[in-house]
């Protein structure tokens, strides 16, 4: 979208980072406590700042971020599916 807002908050009491993005029609919230995700959010924030302050848009940075995000989502999905497909083991 042409216009949107995003807000990044760190909740010290929970040790979690909250990223909230909205375009006044859809609101998305991402909550994490993983350092790896915090680094990705930091990269995203730096990219937004670079885009907003640049006179010309460098699309190579956008494509790199898109490819990295897609690979990360695929890896997380694969890991979640493999954990769900493992049989439960435990003593009764």
PDB file of N, CA and C in Angstrom:
ATOM      1  N   UNK A   1       0.818  -1.201   0.000  1.00  0.00           N
ATOM      2  CA  UNK A   1       0.000   0.000   0.000  1.00  0.00           C
ATOM      3  C   UNK A   1       0.859   1.260   0.000  1.00  0.00           C
ATOM      4  N   UNK A   2       0.262   2.319  -0.424  1.00  0.00           N
ATOM      5  CA  UNK A   2       0.964   3.587  -0.485  1.00  0.00           C
ATOM      6  C   UNK A   2       1.166   4.153   0.918  1.00  0.00           C
ATOM      7  N   UNK A   3       0.167   4.017   1.773  1.00  0.00           N
ATOM      8  CA  UNK A   3       0.289   4.535   3.134  1.00  0.00           C
ATOM      9  C   UNK A   3       0.069   3.407   4.137  1.00  0.00           C
ATOM     10  N   UNK A   4       0.926   3.374   5.118  1.00  0.00           N
ATOM     11  CA  UNK A   4       0.781   2.435   6.222  1.00  0.00           C
ATOM     12  C   UNK A   4       1.591   2.958   7.396  1.00  0.00           C
ATOM     13  N   UNK A   5       1.348   2.393   8.532  1.00  0.00           N
ATOM     14  CA  UNK A   5       2.086   2.753   9.749  1.00  0.00           C
ATOM     15  C   UNK A   5       2.644   1.477  10.363  1.00  0.00           C
ATOM     16  N   UNK A   6       3.779   1.620  11.002  1.00  0.00           N
ATOM     17  CA  UNK A   6       4.285   0.502  11.770  1.00  0.00           C
ATOM     18  C   UNK A   6       4.879   1.014  13.074  1.00  0.00           C
ATOM     19  N   UNK A   7       4.765   0.190  14.068  1.00  0.00           N
ATOM     20  CA  UNK A   7       5.219   0.559  15.402  1.00  0.00           C
ATOM     21  C   UNK A   7       6.006  -0.618  15.976  1.00  0.00           C
ATOM     22  N   UNK A   8       7.153  -0.323  16.536  1.00  0.00           N
ATOM     23  CA  UNK A   8       7.972  -1.352  17.164  1.00  0.00           C
ATOM     24  C   UNK A   8       8.054  -1.027  18.645  1.00  0.00           C
ATOM     25  N   UNK A   9       7.684  -2.006  19.482  1.00  0.00           N
ATOM     26  CA  UNK A   9       7.743  -1.820  20.935  1.00  0.00           C
ATOM     27  C   UNK A   9       8.504  -2.988  21.548  1.00  0.00           C
ATOM     28  N   UNK A  10       9.297  -2.693  22.544  1.00  0.00           N
ATOM     29  CA  UNK A  10       9.952  -3.746  23.325  1.00  0.00           C
ATOM     30  C   UNK A  10       9.310  -3.772  24.698  1.00  0.00           C
ATOM     31  N   UNK A  11       8.774  -4.923  25.047  1.00  0.00           N
ATOM     32  CA  UNK A  11       8.153  -5.087  26.366  1.00  0.00           C
ATOM     33  C   UNK A  11       9.172  -5.750  27.292  1.00  0.00           C
ATOM     34  N   UNK A  12       9.792  -4.944  28.126  1.00  0.00           N
ATOM     35  CA  UNK A  12      10.848  -5.439  29.001  1.00  0.00           C
ATOM     36  C   UNK A  12      10.318  -6.459  30.007  1.00  0.00           C
ATOM     37  N   UNK A  13       9.104  -6.252  30.489  1.00  0.00           N
ATOM     38  CA  UNK A  13       8.551  -7.163  31.496  1.00  0.00           C
ATOM     39  C   UNK A  13       8.376  -8.578  30.921  1.00  0.00           C
ATOM     40  N   UNK A  14       8.074  -8.682  29.613  1.00  0.00           N
ATOM     41  CA  UNK A  14       7.922  -9.988  28.971  1.00  0.00           C
ATOM     42  C   UNK A  14       9.158 -10.398  28.193  1.00  0.00           C
ATOM     43  N   UNK A  15      10.103  -9.467  28.007  1.00  0.00           N
ATOM     44  CA  UNK A  15      11.288  -9.667  27.169  1.00  0.00           C
ATOM     45  C   UNK A  15      10.865 -10.050  25.759  1.00  0.00           C
ATOM     46  N   UNK A  16       9.889  -9.305  25.220  1.00  0.00           N
ATOM     47  CA  UNK A  16       9.376  -9.576  23.875  1.00  0.00           C
ATOM     48  C   UNK A  16       9.351  -8.295  23.058  1.00  0.00           C
ATOM     49  N   UNK A  17       9.531  -8.475  21.758  1.00  0.00           N
ATOM     50  CA  UNK A  17       9.455  -7.377  20.819  1.00  0.00           C
ATOM     51  C   UNK A  17       8.160  -7.502  20.032  1.00  0.00           C
ATOM     52  N   UNK A  18       7.425  -6.402  19.913  1.00  0.00           N
ATOM     53  CA  UNK A  18       6.141  -6.396  19.212  1.00  0.00           C
ATOM     54  C   UNK A  18       6.261  -5.467  18.011  1.00  0.00           C
ATOM     55  N   UNK A  19       5.939  -5.988  16.832  1.00  0.00           N
ATOM     56  CA  UNK A  19       5.896  -5.196  15.606  1.00  0.00           C
ATOM     57  C   UNK A  19       4.448  -5.158  15.156  1.00  0.00           C
ATOM     58  N   UNK A  20       3.910  -3.953  15.025  1.00  0.00           N
ATOM     59  CA  UNK A  20       2.513  -3.790  14.622  1.00  0.00           C
ATOM     60  C   UNK A  20       2.486  -2.959  13.342  1.00  0.00           C
ATOM     61  N   UNK A  21       1.813  -3.494  12.301  1.00  0.00           N
ATOM     62  CA  UNK A  21       1.718  -2.830  11.008  1.00  0.00           C
ATOM     63  C   UNK A  21       0.245  -2.703  10.639  1.00  0.00           C
ATOM     64  N   UNK A  22      -0.155  -1.493  10.183  1.00  0.00           N
ATOM     65  CA  UNK A  22      -1.542  -1.295   9.795  1.00  0.00           C
ATOM     66  C   UNK A  22      -1.640  -0.325   8.625  1.00  0.00           C
ATOM     67  N   UNK A  23      -2.655  -0.525   7.800  1.00  0.00           N
ATOM     68  CA  UNK A  23      -3.003   0.435   6.751  1.00  0.00           C
ATOM     69  C   UNK A  23      -4.432   0.921   6.958  1.00  0.00           C
ATOM     70  N   UNK A  24      -4.928   0.834   8.167  1.00  0.00           N
ATOM     71  CA  UNK A  24      -6.272   1.216   8.601  1.00  0.00           C
ATOM     72  C   UNK A  24      -7.365   0.291   8.088  1.00  0.00           C
ATOM     73  N   UNK A  25      -7.008  -0.705   7.320  1.00  0.00           N
ATOM     74  CA  UNK A  25      -7.966  -1.731   6.894  1.00  0.00           C
ATOM     75  C   UNK A  25      -7.596  -3.070   7.502  1.00  0.00           C
ATOM     76  N   UNK A  26      -6.304  -3.364   7.481  1.00  0.00           N
ATOM     77  CA  UNK A  26      -5.783  -4.620   8.018  1.00  0.00           C
ATOM     78  C   UNK A  26      -4.710  -4.279   9.040  1.00  0.00           C
ATOM     79  N   UNK A  27      -4.733  -4.957  10.153  1.00  0.00           N
ATOM     80  CA  UNK A  27      -3.733  -4.758  11.194  1.00  0.00           C
ATOM     81  C   UNK A  27      -3.024  -6.083  11.439  1.00  0.00           C
ATOM     82  N   UNK A  28      -1.702  -6.084  11.329  1.00  0.00           N
ATOM     83  CA  UNK A  28      -0.904  -7.276  11.555  1.00  0.00           C
ATOM     84  C   UNK A  28       0.002  -7.037  12.753  1.00  0.00           C
ATOM     85  N   UNK A  29       0.126  -8.057  13.590  1.00  0.00           N
ATOM     86  CA  UNK A  29       0.968  -7.970  14.774  1.00  0.00           C
ATOM     87  C   UNK A  29       1.919  -9.155  14.777  1.00  0.00           C
ATOM     88  N   UNK A  30       3.192  -8.900  15.083  1.00  0.00           N
ATOM     89  CA  UNK A  30       4.192  -9.948  15.166  1.00  0.00           C
ATOM     90  C   UNK A  30       4.868  -9.813  16.515  1.00  0.00           C
ATOM     91  N   UNK A  31       4.873 -10.876  17.285  1.00  0.00           N
ATOM     92  CA  UNK A  31       5.432 -10.883  18.628  1.00  0.00           C
ATOM     93  C   UNK A  31       6.547 -11.914  18.679  1.00  0.00           C
ATOM     94  N   UNK A  32       7.722 -11.531  19.181  1.00  0.00           N
ATOM     95  CA  UNK A  32       8.832 -12.471  19.238  1.00  0.00           C
ATOM     96  C   UNK A  32       9.704 -12.217  20.454  1.00  0.00           C
ATOM     97  N   UNK A  33      10.406 -13.259  20.839  1.00  0.00           N
ATOM     98  CA  UNK A  33      11.430 -13.132  21.873  1.00  0.00           C
ATOM     99  C   UNK A  33      12.751 -13.727  21.386  1.00  0.00           C
ATOM    100  N   UNK A  34      12.838 -14.009  20.087  1.00  0.00           N
ATOM    101  CA  UNK A  34      14.022 -14.614  19.489  1.00  0.00           C
ATOM    102  C   UNK A  34      14.950 -13.532  18.933  1.00  0.00           C
ATOM    103  N   UNK A  35      16.249 -13.648  19.220  1.00  0.00           N
ATOM    104  CA  UNK A  35      17.229 -12.665  18.750  1.00  0.00           C
ATOM    105  C   UNK A  35      17.302 -12.642  17.227  1.00  0.00           C
ATOM    106  N   UNK A  36      17.141 -13.782  16.596  1.00  0.00           N
ATOM    107  CA  UNK A  36      17.187 -13.873  15.137  1.00  0.00           C
ATOM    108  C   UNK A  36      16.069 -13.029  14.510  1.00  0.00           C
ATOM    109  N   UNK A  37      14.873 -13.087  15.073  1.00  0.00           N
ATOM    110  CA  UNK A  37      13.754 -12.300  14.564  1.00  0.00           C
ATOM    111  C   UNK A  37      13.960 -10.808  14.815  1.00  0.00           C
ATOM    112  N   UNK A  38      14.573 -10.475  15.948  1.00  0.00           N
ATOM    113  CA  UNK A  38      14.849  -9.067  16.263  1.00  0.00           C
ATOM    114  C   UNK A  38      15.804  -8.485  15.228  1.00  0.00           C
ATOM    115  N   UNK A  39      16.799  -9.269  14.813  1.00  0.00           N
ATOM    116  CA  UNK A  39      17.746  -8.801  13.796  1.00  0.00           C
ATOM    117  C   UNK A  39      17.037  -8.577  12.462  1.00  0.00           C
ATOM    118  N   UNK A  40      16.082  -9.443  12.111  1.00  0.00           N
ATOM    119  CA  UNK A  40      15.332  -9.276  10.864  1.00  0.00           C
ATOM    120  C   UNK A  40      14.466  -8.021  10.920  1.00  0.00           C
ATOM    121  N   UNK A  41      13.851  -7.763  12.084  1.00  0.00           N
ATOM    122  CA  UNK A  41      13.036  -6.558  12.235  1.00  0.00           C
ATOM    123  C   UNK A  41      13.922  -5.323  12.150  1.00  0.00           C
ATOM    124  N   UNK A  42      15.125  -5.400  12.692  1.00  0.00           N
ATOM    125  CA  UNK A  42      16.058  -4.282  12.602  1.00  0.00           C
ATOM    126  C   UNK A  42      16.444  -4.018  11.142  1.00  0.00           C
ATOM    127  N   UNK A  43      16.677  -5.085  10.367  1.00  0.00           N
ATOM    128  CA  UNK A  43      16.976  -4.932   8.934  1.00  0.00           C
ATOM    129  C   UNK A  43      15.796  -4.294   8.212  1.00  0.00           C
ATOM    130  N   UNK A  44      14.582  -4.726   8.537  1.00  0.00           N
ATOM    131  CA  UNK A  44      13.386  -4.167   7.928  1.00  0.00           C
ATOM    132  C   UNK A  44      13.261  -2.680   8.255  1.00  0.00           C
ATOM    133  N   UNK A  45      13.497  -2.313   9.487  1.00  0.00           N
ATOM    134  CA  UNK A  45      13.426  -0.920   9.911  1.00  0.00           C
ATOM    135  C   UNK A  45      14.460  -0.080   9.161  1.00  0.00           C
ATOM    136  N   UNK A  46      15.681  -0.596   9.040  1.00  0.00           N
ATOM    137  CA  UNK A  46      16.722   0.128   8.308  1.00  0.00           C
ATOM    138  C   UNK A  46      16.351   0.284   6.831  1.00  0.00           C
ATOM    139  N   UNK A  47      15.733  -0.745   6.260  1.00  0.00           N
ATOM    140  CA  UNK A  47      15.295  -0.668   4.867  1.00  0.00           C
ATOM    141  C   UNK A  47      14.226   0.399   4.688  1.00  0.00           C
ATOM    142  N   UNK A  48      13.253   0.459   5.605  1.00  0.00           N
ATOM    143  CA  UNK A  48      12.213   1.489   5.534  1.00  0.00           C
ATOM    144  C   UNK A  48      12.832   2.886   5.604  1.00  0.00           C
ATOM    145  N   UNK A  49      13.773   3.084   6.503  1.00  0.00           N
ATOM    146  CA  UNK A  49      14.415   4.390   6.644  1.00  0.00           C
ATOM    147  C   UNK A  49      15.171   4.749   5.366  1.00  0.00           C
ATOM    148  N   UNK A  50      15.870   3.767   4.799  1.00  0.00           N
ATOM    149  CA  UNK A  50      16.616   3.995   3.565  1.00  0.00           C
ATOM    150  C   UNK A  50      15.662   4.358   2.414  1.00  0.00           C
ATOM    151  N   UNK A  51      14.540   3.655   2.314  1.00  0.00           N
ATOM    152  CA  UNK A  51      13.571   3.921   1.243  1.00  0.00           C
ATOM    153  C   UNK A  51      12.951   5.307   1.415  1.00  0.00           C
ATOM    154  N   UNK A  52      12.583   5.656   2.645  1.00  0.00           N
ATOM    155  CA  UNK A  52      11.915   6.935   2.871  1.00  0.00           C
ATOM    156  C   UNK A  52      12.849   8.121   2.651  1.00  0.00           C
ATOM    157  N   UNK A  53      14.150   7.938   2.856  1.00  0.00           N
ATOM    158  CA  UNK A  53      15.080   9.052   2.721  1.00  0.00           C
ATOM    159  C   UNK A  53      15.770   9.097   1.360  1.00  0.00           C
ATOM    160  N   UNK A  54      15.616   8.066   0.536  1.00  0.00           N
ATOM    161  CA  UNK A  54      16.287   8.018  -0.761  1.00  0.00           C
ATOM    162  C   UNK A  54      15.524   8.812  -1.813  1.00  0.00           C
ATOM    163  N   UNK A  55      16.288   9.395  -2.736  1.00  0.00           N
ATOM    164  CA  UNK A  55      15.662  10.098  -3.853  1.00  0.00           C
ATOM    165  C   UNK A  55      15.200   9.100  -4.897  1.00  0.00           C
ATOM    166  N   UNK A  56      16.003   8.047  -5.112  1.00  0.00           N
ATOM    167  CA  UNK A  56      15.632   6.977  -6.037  1.00  0.00           C
ATOM    168  C   UNK A  56      15.539   5.681  -5.254  1.00  0.00           C
ATOM    169  N   UNK A  57      14.612   4.834  -5.644  1.00  0.00           N
ATOM    170  CA  UNK A  57      14.400   3.568  -4.958  1.00  0.00           C
ATOM    171  C   UNK A  57      15.347   2.506  -5.508  1.00  0.00           C
ATOM    172  N   UNK A  58      16.102   1.855  -4.618  1.00  0.00           N
ATOM    173  CA  UNK A  58      16.999   0.770  -5.007  1.00  0.00           C
ATOM    174  C   UNK A  58      16.241  -0.544  -4.822  1.00  0.00           C
ATOM    175  N   UNK A  59      15.798  -1.135  -5.921  1.00  0.00           N
ATOM    176  CA  UNK A  59      14.958  -2.330  -5.835  1.00  0.00           C
ATOM    177  C   UNK A  59      15.750  -3.586  -5.496  1.00  0.00           C
ATOM    178  N   UNK A  60      17.069  -3.566  -5.622  1.00  0.00           N
ATOM    179  CA  UNK A  60      17.845  -4.772  -5.301  1.00  0.00           C
ATOM    180  C   UNK A  60      17.752  -5.095  -3.814  1.00  0.00           C
ATOM    181  N   UNK A  61      17.717  -4.072  -2.957  1.00  0.00           N
ATOM    182  CA  UNK A  61      17.573  -4.305  -1.517  1.00  0.00           C
ATOM    183  C   UNK A  61      16.223  -4.937  -1.207  1.00  0.00           C
ATOM    184  N   UNK A  62      15.188  -4.478  -1.899  1.00  0.00           N
ATOM    185  CA  UNK A  62      13.852  -5.034  -1.684  1.00  0.00           C
ATOM    186  C   UNK A  62      13.794  -6.495  -2.100  1.00  0.00           C
ATOM    187  N   UNK A  63      14.429  -6.827  -3.227  1.00  0.00           N
ATOM    188  CA  UNK A  63      14.417  -8.213  -3.707  1.00  0.00           C
ATOM    189  C   UNK A  63      15.207  -9.129  -2.774  1.00  0.00           C
ATOM    190  N   UNK A  64      16.327  -8.632  -2.244  1.00  0.00           N
ATOM    191  CA  UNK A  64      17.118  -9.422  -1.304  1.00  0.00           C
ATOM    192  C   UNK A  64      16.318  -9.718  -0.044  1.00  0.00           C
ATOM    193  N   UNK A  65      15.643  -8.703   0.481  1.00  0.00           N
ATOM    194  CA  UNK A  65      14.839  -8.881   1.688  1.00  0.00           C
ATOM    195  C   UNK A  65      13.683  -9.837   1.433  1.00  0.00           C
ATOM    196  N   UNK A  66      13.050  -9.723   0.269  1.00  0.00           N
ATOM    197  CA  UNK A  66      11.929 -10.603  -0.073  1.00  0.00           C
ATOM    198  C   UNK A  66      12.390 -12.058  -0.161  1.00  0.00           C
ATOM    199  N   UNK A  67      13.549 -12.300  -0.790  1.00  0.00           N
ATOM    200  CA  UNK A  67      14.072 -13.660  -0.920  1.00  0.00           C
ATOM    201  C   UNK A  67      14.438 -14.230   0.449  1.00  0.00           C
ATOM    202  N   UNK A  68      15.054 -13.412   1.293  1.00  0.00           N
ATOM    203  CA  UNK A  68      15.440 -13.858   2.633  1.00  0.00           C
ATOM    204  C   UNK A  68      14.211 -14.177   3.479  1.00  0.00           C
ATOM    205  N   UNK A  69      13.192 -13.347   3.379  1.00  0.00           N
ATOM    206  CA  UNK A  69      11.965 -13.566   4.138  1.00  0.00           C
ATOM    207  C   UNK A  69      11.256 -14.836   3.682  1.00  0.00           C
ATOM    208  N   UNK A  70      11.191 -15.051   2.368  1.00  0.00           N
ATOM    209  CA  UNK A  70      10.545 -16.252   1.836  1.00  0.00           C
ATOM    210  C   UNK A  70      11.278 -17.516   2.288  1.00  0.00           C
ATOM    211  N   UNK A  71      12.598 -17.491   2.272  1.00  0.00           N
ATOM    212  CA  UNK A  71      13.379 -18.647   2.709  1.00  0.00           C
ATOM    213  C   UNK A  71      13.172 -18.912   4.196  1.00  0.00           C
ATOM    214  N   UNK A  72      13.108 -17.849   4.985  1.00  0.00           N
ATOM    215  CA  UNK A  72      12.898 -17.997   6.425  1.00  0.00           C
ATOM    216  C   UNK A  72      11.525 -18.584   6.727  1.00  0.00           C
ATOM    217  N   UNK A  73      10.501 -18.101   6.034  1.00  0.00           N
ATOM    218  CA  UNK A  73       9.139 -18.606   6.251  1.00  0.00           C
ATOM    219  C   UNK A  73       9.063 -20.079   5.861  1.00  0.00           C
ATOM    220  N   UNK A  74       9.704 -20.438   4.748  1.00  0.00           N
ATOM    221  CA  UNK A  74       9.682 -21.832   4.305  1.00  0.00           C
ATOM    222  C   UNK A  74      10.383 -22.735   5.324  1.00  0.00           C
ATOM    223  N   UNK A  75      11.524 -22.282   5.857  1.00  0.00           N
ATOM    224  CA  UNK A  75      12.252 -23.077   6.846  1.00  0.00           C
ATOM    225  C   UNK A  75      11.434 -23.243   8.122  1.00  0.00           C
ATOM    226  N   UNK A  76      10.779 -22.175   8.577  1.00  0.00           N
ATOM    227  CA  UNK A  76       9.966 -22.252   9.787  1.00  0.00           C
ATOM    228  C   UNK A  76       8.769 -23.160   9.593  1.00  0.00           C
ATOM    229  N   UNK A  77       8.163 -23.103   8.415  1.00  0.00           N
ATOM    230  CA  UNK A  77       7.018 -23.961   8.115  1.00  0.00           C
ATOM    231  C   UNK A  77       7.431 -25.426   8.085  1.00  0.00           C
ATOM    232  N   UNK A  78       8.561 -25.711   7.438  1.00  0.00           N
ATOM    233  CA  UNK A  78       9.068 -27.081   7.375  1.00  0.00           C
ATOM    234  C   UNK A  78       9.366 -27.616   8.765  1.00  0.00           C
ATOM    235  N   UNK A  79       9.966 -26.787   9.597  1.00  0.00           N
ATOM    236  CA  UNK A  79      10.291 -27.200  10.965  1.00  0.00           C
ATOM    237  C   UNK A  79       9.022 -27.466  11.768  1.00  0.00           C
ATOM    238  N   UNK A  80       8.022 -26.603  11.636  1.00  0.00           N
ATOM    239  CA  UNK A  80       6.769 -26.787  12.365  1.00  0.00           C
ATOM    240  C   UNK A  80       6.056 -28.061  11.926  1.00  0.00           C
ATOM    241  N   UNK A  81       6.043 -28.337  10.617  1.00  0.00           N
ATOM    242  CA  UNK A  81       5.391 -29.541  10.107  1.00  0.00           C
ATOM    243  C   UNK A  81       6.112 -30.790  10.590  1.00  0.00           C
ATOM    244  N   UNK A  82       7.446 -30.749  10.603  1.00  0.00           N
ATOM    245  CA  UNK A  82       8.192 -31.925  11.063  1.00  0.00           C
ATOM    246  C   UNK A  82       7.963 -32.188  12.550  1.00  0.00           C
ATOM    247  N   UNK A  83       7.796 -31.125  13.336  1.00  0.00           N
ATOM    248  CA  UNK A  83       7.531 -31.304  14.761  1.00  0.00           C
ATOM    249  C   UNK A  83       6.139 -31.873  14.984  1.00  0.00           C
ATOM    250  N   UNK A  84       5.191 -31.475  14.145  1.00  0.00           N
ATOM    251  CA  UNK A  84       3.828 -31.991  14.283  1.00  0.00           C
ATOM    252  C   UNK A  84       3.726 -33.453  13.852  1.00  0.00           C
ATOM    253  N   UNK A  85       4.571 -33.852  12.910  1.00  0.00           N
ATOM    254  CA  UNK A  85       4.475 -35.213  12.394  1.00  0.00           C
ATOM    255  C   UNK A  85       5.224 -36.232  13.258  1.00  0.00           C
ATOM    256  N   UNK A  86       6.017 -35.761  14.213  1.00  0.00           N
ATOM    257  CA  UNK A  86       6.723 -36.691  15.110  1.00  0.00           C
ATOM    258  C   UNK A  86       5.714 -37.329  16.069  1.00  0.00           C
ATOM    259  N   UNK A  87       5.843 -38.632  16.285  1.00  0.00           N
ATOM    260  CA  UNK A  87       4.940 -39.259  17.246  1.00  0.00           C
ATOM    261  C   UNK A  87       5.260 -38.821  18.667  1.00  0.00           C
ATOM    262  N   UNK A  88       4.242 -38.688  19.454  1.00  0.00           N
ATOM    263  CA  UNK A  88       4.421 -38.282  20.846  1.00  0.00           C
ATOM    264  C   UNK A  88       4.971 -39.456  21.647  1.00  0.00           C
ATOM    265  N   UNK A  89       6.009 -39.204  22.390  1.00  0.00           N
ATOM    266  CA  UNK A  89       6.579 -40.236  23.252  1.00  0.00           C
ATOM    267  C   UNK A  89       6.493 -39.761  24.682  1.00  0.00           C
ATOM    268  N   UNK A  90       6.138 -40.636  25.531  1.00  0.00           N
ATOM    269  CA  UNK A  90       6.021 -40.283  26.956  1.00  0.00           C
ATOM    270  C   UNK A  90       5.602 -41.499  27.764  1.00  0.00           C
ATOM    271  N   UNK A  91       5.858 -41.427  29.053  1.00  0.00           N
ATOM    272  CA  UNK A  91       5.489 -42.517  29.937  1.00  0.00           C
ATOM    273  C   UNK A  91       4.063 -42.330  30.406  1.00  0.00           C
ATOM    274  N   UNK A  92       3.381 -43.429  30.518  1.00  0.00           N
ATOM    275  CA  UNK A  92       2.005 -43.378  30.996  1.00  0.00           C
ATOM    276  C   UNK A  92       1.925 -43.986  32.359  1.00  0.00           C
TER     277      UNK A  92
END
